[in-house]
Amino acid sequence: MNENNVTHAFIKRYRQEITDYLGVHLNESVTNPPLLAAMRYSVLAGGKRLRPLLLLAMVQTLAGKVDERKLKVASSLELLHTYSLIHDDLPAMDNDDLRRGLATNHKKFGEALAILAGDGLLTLAFEWLADSKYSAPITAQLTLALAQAAGPAGMVAGQVSDVLGENQQLSFDQLKHLHKQKTGALIAYTAQAAGIITNSSTKRRQALDMFAENFGLAFQIYDDLQDVLGTTQSMGKAVHKDAEEHKNTYPGIRGLAQAKRDLMQCVTSCQTALVRLHEEGLPIELLNGFLDYFQLDEEAK
């Protein structure tokens, strides 16, 4: 990510703070040694920490301050995201051997412990959210929003559509809806959570929601493009699997050139949302820097 100086400094600081928080508080929360080892393995295997970083960047944009309560809410989101990766990699799902450049959890610890590590991370995410020391109304709103984003109306529904859609050709609109749930729901939650925590106005929340929704779609299109254009070394996971397994992807359905145009349209919509935030008197440089994530290598354009 070739982000601007403000975003670079923010990411460098809070990626480390999130990782440190996860490392310390996982040890406090999990008492079973084999389970702790499996949970820590995937949580601390690296990763961009994109979702918690986005949440904290939105909070800072809206309110100008990140504290431990906000860090705990953001870290709970990373726990839940990591659970989804462990389960997504299982033989019954994507059957992947690599994640973030390392053996997937089930390859390292076996399927049973991997499933249980995912279960532990999912439930611990809600434990941390409930124990984040916010008022009861804010905690209830955050819990409801995360449950809806992660559950059978959100990420889980998207995963079901992905699994069942492998042997059929989806339309562009069907694929967008699938990824609005599977990938986009947790990214959309970052905007919802930031708005809840900061008690922001309806206009500001609507602009953030627009930014997050388009960011989530851009993220999936970019990931699909990288599966075609990237390498195992650069991605930290196997590439070219989607085409080999006849999965529905944006390049597969739209073609490579149109998928790139779709990506740029999503980025433009994100920028429009940031203009609306700026019109509300908010600084937008920090969030604008996150859009640099979607830069394709020159030879891939």
C-alpha atoms as a PDB file:
ATOM      1  CA  MET A   1       0.000   0.000   0.000  1.00  0.00           C
ATOM      2  CA  ASN A   2       1.596   3.257  -1.183  1.00  0.00           C
ATOM      3  CA  GLU A   3      -0.516   5.455   1.043  1.00  0.00           C
ATOM      4  CA  ASN A   4       0.129   9.116   1.818  1.00  0.00           C
ATOM      5  CA  ASN A   5       2.305  10.135   4.761  1.00  0.00           C
ATOM      6  CA  VAL A   6      -0.638  10.684   7.132  1.00  0.00           C
ATOM      7  CA  THR A   7      -2.139   7.286   6.346  1.00  0.00           C
ATOM      8  CA  HIS A   8       1.250   5.565   6.383  1.00  0.00           C
ATOM      9  CA  ALA A   9       2.020   6.872   9.873  1.00  0.00           C
ATOM     10  CA  PHE A  10      -1.453   5.934  11.099  1.00  0.00           C
ATOM     11  CA  ILE A  11      -1.244   2.395   9.713  1.00  0.00           C
ATOM     12  CA  LYS A  12       2.261   1.840  11.046  1.00  0.00           C
ATOM     13  CA  ARG A  13       1.240   2.941  14.549  1.00  0.00           C
ATOM     14  CA  TYR A  14      -2.117   1.248  14.881  1.00  0.00           C
ATOM     15  CA  ARG A  15      -1.305  -1.969  13.055  1.00  0.00           C
ATOM     16  CA  GLN A  16       1.302  -2.562  15.744  1.00  0.00           C
ATOM     17  CA  GLU A  17      -1.037  -1.462  18.542  1.00  0.00           C
ATOM     18  CA  ILE A  18      -3.748  -3.819  17.297  1.00  0.00           C
ATOM     19  CA  THR A  19      -1.286  -6.702  17.030  1.00  0.00           C
ATOM     20  CA  ASP A  20       0.109  -6.014  20.503  1.00  0.00           C
ATOM     21  CA  TYR A  21      -3.401  -5.807  21.962  1.00  0.00           C
ATOM     22  CA  LEU A  22      -4.382  -9.102  20.338  1.00  0.00           C
ATOM     23  CA  GLY A  23      -1.257 -10.858  21.576  1.00  0.00           C
ATOM     24  CA  VAL A  24      -1.584  -9.722  25.181  1.00  0.00           C
ATOM     25  CA  HIS A  25      -5.325 -10.157  25.594  1.00  0.00           C
ATOM     26  CA  LEU A  26      -5.593 -13.505  23.842  1.00  0.00           C
ATOM     27  CA  ASN A  27      -3.319 -14.896  26.541  1.00  0.00           C
ATOM     28  CA  GLU A  28      -5.640 -13.462  29.195  1.00  0.00           C
ATOM     29  CA  SER A  29      -8.817 -14.764  27.561  1.00  0.00           C
ATOM     30  CA  VAL A  30      -7.899 -18.359  26.637  1.00  0.00           C
ATOM     31  CA  THR A  31      -6.834 -20.873  29.278  1.00  0.00           C
ATOM     32  CA  ASN A  32      -6.584 -24.083  27.221  1.00  0.00           C
ATOM     33  CA  PRO A  33      -2.993 -24.282  25.864  1.00  0.00           C
ATOM     34  CA  PRO A  34      -3.652 -26.189  22.596  1.00  0.00           C
ATOM     35  CA  LEU A  35      -6.623 -23.969  21.804  1.00  0.00           C
ATOM     36  CA  LEU A  36      -4.639 -20.826  22.623  1.00  0.00           C
ATOM     37  CA  ALA A  37      -1.806 -21.962  20.348  1.00  0.00           C
ATOM     38  CA  ALA A  38      -4.168 -22.528  17.422  1.00  0.00           C
ATOM     39  CA  MET A  39      -5.977 -19.223  17.934  1.00  0.00           C
ATOM     40  CA  ARG A  40      -2.744 -17.246  18.312  1.00  0.00           C
ATOM     41  CA  TYR A  41      -1.247 -18.911  15.246  1.00  0.00           C
ATOM     42  CA  SER A  42      -3.807 -17.450  12.870  1.00  0.00           C
ATOM     43  CA  VAL A  43      -4.447 -14.153  14.667  1.00  0.00           C
ATOM     44  CA  LEU A  44      -0.728 -13.318  14.882  1.00  0.00           C
ATOM     45  CA  ALA A  45       0.282 -14.717  11.474  1.00  0.00           C
ATOM     46  CA  GLY A  46       0.481 -11.211  10.051  1.00  0.00           C
ATOM     47  CA  GLY A  47      -2.130  -9.720   7.768  1.00  0.00           C
ATOM     48  CA  LYS A  48      -3.032  -6.186   6.837  1.00  0.00           C
ATOM     49  CA  ARG A  49      -5.406  -5.581   9.808  1.00  0.00           C
ATOM     50  CA  LEU A  50      -7.417  -3.667   7.215  1.00  0.00           C
ATOM     51  CA  ARG A  51     -10.815  -3.894   8.899  1.00  0.00           C
ATOM     52  CA  PRO A  52      -9.779  -2.724  12.379  1.00  0.00           C
ATOM     53  CA  LEU A  53      -7.546  -0.058  10.836  1.00  0.00           C
ATOM     54  CA  LEU A  54     -10.442   1.256   8.762  1.00  0.00           C
ATOM     55  CA  LEU A  55     -12.653   1.348  11.845  1.00  0.00           C
ATOM     56  CA  LEU A  56     -10.068   3.310  13.826  1.00  0.00           C
ATOM     57  CA  ALA A  57      -9.377   5.644  10.889  1.00  0.00           C
ATOM     58  CA  MET A  58     -13.091   6.415  10.625  1.00  0.00           C
ATOM     59  CA  VAL A  59     -13.278   7.048  14.372  1.00  0.00           C
ATOM     60  CA  GLN A  60     -10.299   9.392  14.174  1.00  0.00           C
ATOM     61  CA  THR A  61     -11.825  11.186  11.185  1.00  0.00           C
ATOM     62  CA  LEU A  62     -15.109  11.673  13.042  1.00  0.00           C
ATOM     63  CA  ALA A  63     -13.866  12.346  16.562  1.00  0.00           C
ATOM     64  CA  GLY A  64     -10.110  12.844  16.413  1.00  0.00           C
ATOM     65  CA  LYS A  65      -9.163  10.382  19.144  1.00  0.00           C
ATOM     66  CA  VAL A  66      -8.443   6.666  19.479  1.00  0.00           C
ATOM     67  CA  ASP A  67      -8.473   5.189  22.987  1.00  0.00           C
ATOM     68  CA  GLU A  68      -8.347   1.691  24.499  1.00  0.00           C
ATOM     69  CA  ARG A  69     -12.093   1.129  24.258  1.00  0.00           C
ATOM     70  CA  LYS A  70     -12.025   1.821  20.524  1.00  0.00           C
ATOM     71  CA  LEU A  71      -8.944  -0.361  20.164  1.00  0.00           C
ATOM     72  CA  LYS A  72     -10.797  -3.233  21.853  1.00  0.00           C
ATOM     73  CA  VAL A  73     -13.787  -2.866  19.528  1.00  0.00           C
ATOM     74  CA  ALA A  74     -11.459  -2.823  16.518  1.00  0.00           C
ATOM     75  CA  SER A  75      -9.520  -5.841  17.788  1.00  0.00           C
ATOM     76  CA  SER A  76     -12.741  -7.790  18.322  1.00  0.00           C
ATOM     77  CA  LEU A  77     -13.439  -7.312  14.619  1.00  0.00           C
ATOM     78  CA  GLU A  78     -10.030  -8.788  13.752  1.00  0.00           C
ATOM     79  CA  LEU A  79     -10.827 -11.840  15.904  1.00  0.00           C
ATOM     80  CA  LEU A  80     -14.044 -12.392  13.997  1.00  0.00           C
ATOM     81  CA  HIS A  81     -12.386 -11.847  10.629  1.00  0.00           C
ATOM     82  CA  THR A  82      -9.664 -14.375  11.496  1.00  0.00           C
ATOM     83  CA  TYR A  83     -12.273 -16.982  12.474  1.00  0.00           C
ATOM     84  CA  SER A  84     -13.817 -16.571   9.027  1.00  0.00           C
ATOM     85  CA  LEU A  85     -10.436 -17.139   7.349  1.00  0.00           C
ATOM     86  CA  ILE A  86      -9.764 -20.332   9.332  1.00  0.00           C
ATOM     87  CA  HIS A  87     -13.134 -21.777   8.400  1.00  0.00           C
ATOM     88  CA  ASP A  88     -12.905 -20.517   4.802  1.00  0.00           C
ATOM     89  CA  ASP A  89      -9.618 -22.415   4.340  1.00  0.00           C
ATOM     90  CA  LEU A  90     -11.028 -25.764   5.540  1.00  0.00           C
ATOM     91  CA  PRO A  91     -11.231 -28.730   3.126  1.00  0.00           C
ATOM     92  CA  ALA A  92     -15.024 -28.494   3.132  1.00  0.00           C
ATOM     93  CA  MET A  93     -14.784 -24.870   1.945  1.00  0.00           C
ATOM     94  CA  ASP A  94     -11.858 -23.584  -0.146  1.00  0.00           C
ATOM     95  CA  ASN A  95      -9.391 -26.317   0.851  1.00  0.00           C
ATOM     96  CA  ASP A  96      -6.402 -23.961   0.975  1.00  0.00           C
ATOM     97  CA  ASP A  97      -2.916 -24.887   2.138  1.00  0.00           C
ATOM     98  CA  LEU A  98      -1.516 -21.356   2.515  1.00  0.00           C
ATOM     99  CA  ARG A  99      -2.730 -18.237   4.301  1.00  0.00           C
ATOM    100  CA  ARG A 100      -0.557 -15.136   4.788  1.00  0.00           C
ATOM    101  CA  GLY A 101       2.418 -17.111   3.529  1.00  0.00           C
ATOM    102  CA  LEU A 102       2.076 -19.814   6.190  1.00  0.00           C
ATOM    103  CA  ALA A 103       0.393 -23.202   6.418  1.00  0.00           C
ATOM    104  CA  THR A 104      -3.336 -22.796   7.015  1.00  0.00           C
ATOM    105  CA  ASN A 105      -4.623 -23.553  10.503  1.00  0.00           C
ATOM    106  CA  HIS A 106      -5.987 -26.996   9.672  1.00  0.00           C
ATOM    107  CA  LYS A 107      -2.706 -27.952   7.993  1.00  0.00           C
ATOM    108  CA  LYS A 108      -0.824 -26.932  11.139  1.00  0.00           C
ATOM    109  CA  PHE A 109      -3.173 -28.185  13.876  1.00  0.00           C
ATOM    110  CA  GLY A 110      -5.613 -30.560  12.174  1.00  0.00           C
ATOM    111  CA  GLU A 111      -9.204 -29.947  11.116  1.00  0.00           C
ATOM    112  CA  ALA A 112     -10.857 -30.470  14.501  1.00  0.00           C
ATOM    113  CA  LEU A 113      -8.692 -27.979  16.372  1.00  0.00           C
ATOM    114  CA  ALA A 114      -8.891 -25.512  13.488  1.00  0.00           C
ATOM    115  CA  ILE A 115     -12.687 -25.580  13.621  1.00  0.00           C
ATOM    116  CA  LEU A 116     -12.628 -25.095  17.379  1.00  0.00           C
ATOM    117  CA  ALA A 117     -10.072 -22.277  17.107  1.00  0.00           C
ATOM    118  CA  GLY A 118     -12.436 -20.540  14.703  1.00  0.00           C
ATOM    119  CA  ASP A 119     -15.348 -21.117  17.080  1.00  0.00           C
ATOM    120  CA  GLY A 120     -13.281 -19.677  19.917  1.00  0.00           C
ATOM    121  CA  LEU A 121     -12.360 -16.553  17.965  1.00  0.00           C
ATOM    122  CA  LEU A 122     -15.967 -15.962  16.910  1.00  0.00           C
ATOM    123  CA  THR A 123     -17.346 -16.116  20.428  1.00  0.00           C
ATOM    124  CA  LEU A 124     -14.407 -14.237  21.935  1.00  0.00           C
ATOM    125  CA  ALA A 125     -15.051 -11.379  19.515  1.00  0.00           C
ATOM    126  CA  PHE A 126     -18.450 -10.836  21.100  1.00  0.00           C
ATOM    127  CA  GLU A 127     -17.015 -11.245  24.596  1.00  0.00           C
ATOM    128  CA  TRP A 128     -14.537  -8.427  23.925  1.00  0.00           C
ATOM    129  CA  LEU A 129     -17.252  -6.286  22.408  1.00  0.00           C
ATOM    130  CA  ALA A 130     -19.523  -6.810  25.423  1.00  0.00           C
ATOM    131  CA  ASP A 131     -16.630  -5.983  27.755  1.00  0.00           C
ATOM    132  CA  SER A 132     -15.470  -2.859  25.916  1.00  0.00           C
ATOM    133  CA  LYS A 133     -16.713  -0.555  28.703  1.00  0.00           C
ATOM    134  CA  TYR A 134     -19.094   1.428  26.531  1.00  0.00           C
ATOM    135  CA  SER A 135     -22.563   2.300  27.772  1.00  0.00           C
ATOM    136  CA  ALA A 136     -25.263  -0.352  27.500  1.00  0.00           C
ATOM    137  CA  PRO A 137     -27.001   1.338  24.521  1.00  0.00           C
ATOM    138  CA  ILE A 138     -23.754   1.675  22.545  1.00  0.00           C
ATOM    139  CA  THR A 139     -22.688  -1.884  23.373  1.00  0.00           C
ATOM    140  CA  ALA A 140     -26.079  -3.216  22.303  1.00  0.00           C
ATOM    141  CA  GLN A 141     -25.920  -1.321  18.999  1.00  0.00           C
ATOM    142  CA  LEU A 142     -22.387  -2.528  18.285  1.00  0.00           C
ATOM    143  CA  THR A 143     -23.279  -6.122  19.130  1.00  0.00           C
ATOM    144  CA  LEU A 144     -26.367  -6.089  16.924  1.00  0.00           C
ATOM    145  CA  ALA A 145     -24.477  -4.529  14.019  1.00  0.00           C
ATOM    146  CA  LEU A 146     -21.628  -7.046  14.208  1.00  0.00           C
ATOM    147  CA  ALA A 147     -23.999 -10.012  14.564  1.00  0.00           C
ATOM    148  CA  GLN A 148     -25.957  -8.883  11.498  1.00  0.00           C
ATOM    149  CA  ALA A 149     -22.773  -8.313   9.491  1.00  0.00           C
ATOM    150  CA  ALA A 150     -21.229 -11.668  10.415  1.00  0.00           C
ATOM    151  CA  GLY A 151     -24.322 -13.853  10.604  1.00  0.00           C
ATOM    152  CA  PRO A 152     -26.948 -15.464   8.365  1.00  0.00           C
ATOM    153  CA  ALA A 153     -27.977 -12.140   6.824  1.00  0.00           C
ATOM    154  CA  GLY A 154     -24.355 -11.154   6.130  1.00  0.00           C
ATOM    155  CA  MET A 155     -21.026 -12.935   5.841  1.00  0.00           C
ATOM    156  CA  VAL A 156     -22.349 -16.462   6.463  1.00  0.00           C
ATOM    157  CA  ALA A 157     -25.047 -16.011   3.819  1.00  0.00           C
ATOM    158  CA  GLY A 158     -22.416 -14.832   1.371  1.00  0.00           C
ATOM    159  CA  GLN A 159     -20.278 -17.876   2.098  1.00  0.00           C
ATOM    160  CA  VAL A 160     -23.263 -20.156   1.477  1.00  0.00           C
ATOM    161  CA  SER A 161     -23.941 -18.440  -1.864  1.00  0.00           C
ATOM    162  CA  ASP A 162     -20.262 -18.792  -2.762  1.00  0.00           C
ATOM    163  CA  VAL A 163     -20.159 -22.518  -1.959  1.00  0.00           C
ATOM    164  CA  LEU A 164     -23.444 -23.341  -3.688  1.00  0.00           C
ATOM    165  CA  GLY A 165     -22.654 -21.130  -6.678  1.00  0.00           C
ATOM    166  CA  GLU A 166     -19.417 -22.885  -7.646  1.00  0.00           C
ATOM    167  CA  ASN A 167     -21.088 -25.045 -10.291  1.00  0.00           C
ATOM    168  CA  GLN A 168     -23.324 -22.385 -11.789  1.00  0.00           C
ATOM    169  CA  GLN A 169     -22.737 -19.146 -13.661  1.00  0.00           C
ATOM    170  CA  LEU A 170     -23.803 -16.122 -11.638  1.00  0.00           C
ATOM    171  CA  SER A 171     -24.806 -12.815 -13.162  1.00  0.00           C
ATOM    172  CA  PHE A 172     -22.888  -9.638 -12.332  1.00  0.00           C
ATOM    173  CA  ASP A 173     -25.657  -8.490  -9.988  1.00  0.00           C
ATOM    174  CA  GLN A 174     -25.750 -11.890  -8.246  1.00  0.00           C
ATOM    175  CA  LEU A 175     -21.973 -11.805  -7.774  1.00  0.00           C
ATOM    176  CA  LYS A 176     -22.123  -8.279  -6.352  1.00  0.00           C
ATOM    177  CA  HIS A 177     -24.805  -9.347  -3.881  1.00  0.00           C
ATOM    178  CA  LEU A 178     -22.775 -12.405  -2.866  1.00  0.00           C
ATOM    179  CA  HIS A 179     -19.720 -10.310  -2.082  1.00  0.00           C
ATOM    180  CA  LYS A 180     -21.734  -7.540  -0.461  1.00  0.00           C
ATOM    181  CA  GLN A 181     -22.488 -10.209   2.134  1.00  0.00           C
ATOM    182  CA  LYS A 182     -19.356 -12.359   2.188  1.00  0.00           C
ATOM    183  CA  THR A 183     -16.667  -9.661   1.962  1.00  0.00           C
ATOM    184  CA  GLY A 184     -18.472  -6.356   2.186  1.00  0.00           C
ATOM    185  CA  ALA A 185     -20.544  -6.902   5.325  1.00  0.00           C
ATOM    186  CA  LEU A 186     -17.641  -6.714   7.784  1.00  0.00           C
ATOM    187  CA  ILE A 187     -16.196  -3.712   5.957  1.00  0.00           C
ATOM    188  CA  ALA A 188     -19.594  -2.011   6.043  1.00  0.00           C
ATOM    189  CA  TYR A 189     -19.638  -2.724   9.792  1.00  0.00           C
ATOM    190  CA  THR A 190     -16.546  -0.531  10.239  1.00  0.00           C
ATOM    191  CA  ALA A 191     -18.588   2.493   9.194  1.00  0.00           C
ATOM    192  CA  GLN A 192     -21.573   1.474  11.306  1.00  0.00           C
ATOM    193  CA  ALA A 193     -19.396   0.956  14.380  1.00  0.00           C
ATOM    194  CA  ALA A 194     -17.573   4.261  13.921  1.00  0.00           C
ATOM    195  CA  GLY A 195     -20.876   6.099  13.608  1.00  0.00           C
ATOM    196  CA  ILE A 196     -22.261   4.394  16.721  1.00  0.00           C
ATOM    197  CA  ILE A 197     -19.166   5.036  18.837  1.00  0.00           C
ATOM    198  CA  THR A 198     -18.956   8.722  17.894  1.00  0.00           C
ATOM    199  CA  ASN A 199     -22.722   9.340  17.874  1.00  0.00           C
ATOM    200  CA  SER A 200     -22.344  10.976  14.468  1.00  0.00           C
ATOM    201  CA  SER A 201     -25.021  12.757  12.469  1.00  0.00           C
ATOM    202  CA  THR A 202     -27.106  10.972   9.836  1.00  0.00           C
ATOM    203  CA  LYS A 203     -25.324  12.777   6.989  1.00  0.00           C
ATOM    204  CA  ARG A 204     -21.901  11.752   8.231  1.00  0.00           C
ATOM    205  CA  ARG A 205     -23.001   8.161   8.733  1.00  0.00           C
ATOM    206  CA  GLN A 206     -24.500   8.010   5.242  1.00  0.00           C
ATOM    207  CA  ALA A 207     -21.256   9.252   3.706  1.00  0.00           C
ATOM    208  CA  LEU A 208     -19.215   6.745   5.713  1.00  0.00           C
ATOM    209  CA  ASP A 209     -21.619   3.947   4.741  1.00  0.00           C
ATOM    210  CA  MET A 210     -21.189   4.876   1.069  1.00  0.00           C
ATOM    211  CA  PHE A 211     -17.411   4.856   1.449  1.00  0.00           C
ATOM    212  CA  ALA A 212     -17.375   1.474   3.219  1.00  0.00           C
ATOM    213  CA  GLU A 213     -19.820  -0.218   0.840  1.00  0.00           C
ATOM    214  CA  ASN A 214     -17.790   0.775  -2.215  1.00  0.00           C
ATOM    215  CA  PHE A 215     -14.514   0.005  -0.458  1.00  0.00           C
ATOM    216  CA  GLY A 216     -15.771  -3.508   0.277  1.00  0.00           C
ATOM    217  CA  LEU A 217     -16.729  -4.133  -3.346  1.00  0.00           C
ATOM    218  CA  ALA A 218     -13.428  -2.676  -4.558  1.00  0.00           C
ATOM    219  CA  PHE A 219     -11.594  -4.948  -2.125  1.00  0.00           C
ATOM    220  CA  GLN A 220     -13.190  -8.066  -3.612  1.00  0.00           C
ATOM    221  CA  ILE A 221     -12.700  -7.006  -7.230  1.00  0.00           C
ATOM    222  CA  TYR A 222      -9.056  -6.213  -6.473  1.00  0.00           C
ATOM    223  CA  ASP A 223      -8.606  -9.595  -4.777  1.00  0.00           C
ATOM    224  CA  ASP A 224     -10.097 -11.346  -7.806  1.00  0.00           C
ATOM    225  CA  LEU A 225      -7.799  -9.400 -10.121  1.00  0.00           C
ATOM    226  CA  GLN A 226      -4.776 -10.268  -8.005  1.00  0.00           C
ATOM    227  CA  ASP A 227      -5.689 -13.967  -8.217  1.00  0.00           C
ATOM    228  CA  VAL A 228      -5.242 -13.576 -11.976  1.00  0.00           C
ATOM    229  CA  LEU A 229      -2.363 -11.092 -12.032  1.00  0.00           C
ATOM    230  CA  GLY A 230      -0.490 -11.733  -8.770  1.00  0.00           C
ATOM    231  CA  THR A 231       1.944 -14.346  -7.502  1.00  0.00           C
ATOM    232  CA  THR A 232       1.847 -16.722  -4.552  1.00  0.00           C
ATOM    233  CA  GLN A 233       4.772 -14.819  -3.019  1.00  0.00           C
ATOM    234  CA  SER A 234       3.096 -11.416  -3.288  1.00  0.00           C
ATOM    235  CA  MET A 235      -0.322 -12.654  -2.159  1.00  0.00           C
ATOM    236  CA  GLY A 236       0.782 -15.040   0.613  1.00  0.00           C
ATOM    237  CA  LYS A 237      -1.664 -17.657  -0.672  1.00  0.00           C
ATOM    238  CA  ALA A 238      -2.208 -19.790  -3.752  1.00  0.00           C
ATOM    239  CA  VAL A 239      -3.182 -17.883  -6.906  1.00  0.00           C
ATOM    240  CA  HIS A 240      -5.052 -18.874 -10.085  1.00  0.00           C
ATOM    241  CA  LYS A 241      -7.214 -21.210  -7.957  1.00  0.00           C
ATOM    242  CA  ASP A 242     -10.462 -19.416  -8.771  1.00  0.00           C
ATOM    243  CA  ALA A 243     -10.292 -20.191 -12.491  1.00  0.00           C
ATOM    244  CA  GLU A 244      -9.072 -23.739 -11.878  1.00  0.00           C
ATOM    245  CA  GLU A 245     -12.019 -24.402  -9.549  1.00  0.00           C
ATOM    246  CA  HIS A 246     -14.491 -22.634 -11.860  1.00  0.00           C
ATOM    247  CA  LYS A 247     -15.444 -20.076  -9.230  1.00  0.00           C
ATOM    248  CA  ASN A 248     -17.457 -16.980 -10.026  1.00  0.00           C
ATOM    249  CA  THR A 249     -15.115 -13.989 -10.109  1.00  0.00           C
ATOM    250  CA  TYR A 250     -15.263 -10.476 -11.496  1.00  0.00           C
ATOM    251  CA  PRO A 251     -12.607 -11.085 -14.192  1.00  0.00           C
ATOM    252  CA  GLY A 252     -14.333 -14.353 -15.101  1.00  0.00           C
ATOM    253  CA  ILE A 253     -17.754 -12.755 -15.511  1.00  0.00           C
ATOM    254  CA  ARG A 254     -16.811  -9.243 -16.618  1.00  0.00           C
ATOM    255  CA  GLY A 255     -13.496  -9.854 -18.361  1.00  0.00           C
ATOM    256  CA  LEU A 256     -10.177  -8.475 -17.164  1.00  0.00           C
ATOM    257  CA  ALA A 257     -10.487  -5.011 -18.714  1.00  0.00           C
ATOM    258  CA  GLN A 258     -14.040  -4.420 -17.461  1.00  0.00           C
ATOM    259  CA  ALA A 259     -13.179  -5.712 -13.977  1.00  0.00           C
ATOM    260  CA  LYS A 260     -10.420  -3.097 -13.813  1.00  0.00           C
ATOM    261  CA  ARG A 261     -12.920  -0.412 -14.848  1.00  0.00           C
ATOM    262  CA  ASP A 262     -15.361  -1.687 -12.201  1.00  0.00           C
ATOM    263  CA  LEU A 263     -12.592  -1.347  -9.617  1.00  0.00           C
ATOM    264  CA  MET A 264     -11.884   2.233 -10.616  1.00  0.00           C
ATOM    265  CA  GLN A 265     -15.609   3.058 -10.471  1.00  0.00           C
ATOM    266  CA  CYS A 266     -15.759   1.809  -6.885  1.00  0.00           C
ATOM    267  CA  VAL A 267     -12.726   3.940  -5.993  1.00  0.00           C
ATOM    268  CA  THR A 268     -14.384   6.965  -7.592  1.00  0.00           C
ATOM    269  CA  SER A 269     -17.532   6.342  -5.520  1.00  0.00           C
ATOM    270  CA  CYS A 270     -15.361   6.165  -2.383  1.00  0.00           C
ATOM    271  CA  GLN A 271     -13.863   9.525  -3.316  1.00  0.00           C
ATOM    272  CA  THR A 272     -17.340  10.982  -3.790  1.00  0.00           C
ATOM    273  CA  ALA A 273     -18.255   9.814  -0.293  1.00  0.00           C
ATOM    274  CA  LEU A 274     -15.134  11.502   1.086  1.00  0.00           C
ATOM    275  CA  VAL A 275     -16.093  14.763  -0.620  1.00  0.00           C
ATOM    276  CA  ARG A 276     -19.401  14.589   1.253  1.00  0.00           C
ATOM    277  CA  LEU A 277     -17.537  14.078   4.524  1.00  0.00           C
ATOM    278  CA  HIS A 278     -15.324  17.059   3.682  1.00  0.00           C
ATOM    279  CA  GLU A 279     -18.436  19.147   3.085  1.00  0.00           C
ATOM    280  CA  GLU A 280     -19.429  18.195   6.642  1.00  0.00           C
ATOM    281  CA  GLY A 281     -16.245  19.825   7.881  1.00  0.00           C
ATOM    282  CA  LEU A 282     -14.222  16.637   8.404  1.00  0.00           C
ATOM    283  CA  PRO A 283     -10.632  15.888   7.362  1.00  0.00           C
ATOM    284  CA  ILE A 284     -10.460  13.214   4.663  1.00  0.00           C
ATOM    285  CA  GLU A 285      -6.738  12.766   3.971  1.00  0.00           C
ATOM    286  CA  LEU A 286      -6.447   9.763   6.290  1.00  0.00           C
ATOM    287  CA  LEU A 287      -9.264   7.782   4.678  1.00  0.00           C
ATOM    288  CA  ASN A 288      -8.269   8.883   1.185  1.00  0.00           C
ATOM    289  CA  GLY A 289      -4.876   7.248   1.736  1.00  0.00           C
ATOM    290  CA  PHE A 290      -6.542   3.858   2.196  1.00  0.00           C
ATOM    291  CA  LEU A 291      -7.674   3.999  -1.443  1.00  0.00           C
ATOM    292  CA  ASP A 292      -4.058   3.626  -2.543  1.00  0.00           C
ATOM    293  CA  TYR A 293      -4.447  -0.042  -1.609  1.00  0.00           C
ATOM    294  CA  PHE A 294      -6.181  -0.565  -4.952  1.00  0.00           C
ATOM    295  CA  GLN A 295      -3.279   0.479  -7.154  1.00  0.00           C
ATOM    296  CA  LEU A 296      -2.438  -2.246  -9.657  1.00  0.00           C
ATOM    297  CA  ASP A 297       1.141  -2.745 -10.767  1.00  0.00           C
ATOM    298  CA  GLU A 298       1.846  -0.824 -13.958  1.00  0.00           C
ATOM    299  CA  GLU A 299       2.366  -4.011 -15.959  1.00  0.00           C
ATOM    300  CA  ALA A 300      -1.003  -5.287 -14.733  1.00  0.00           C
ATOM    301  CA  LYS A 301      -3.016  -2.261 -15.791  1.00  0.00           C
END
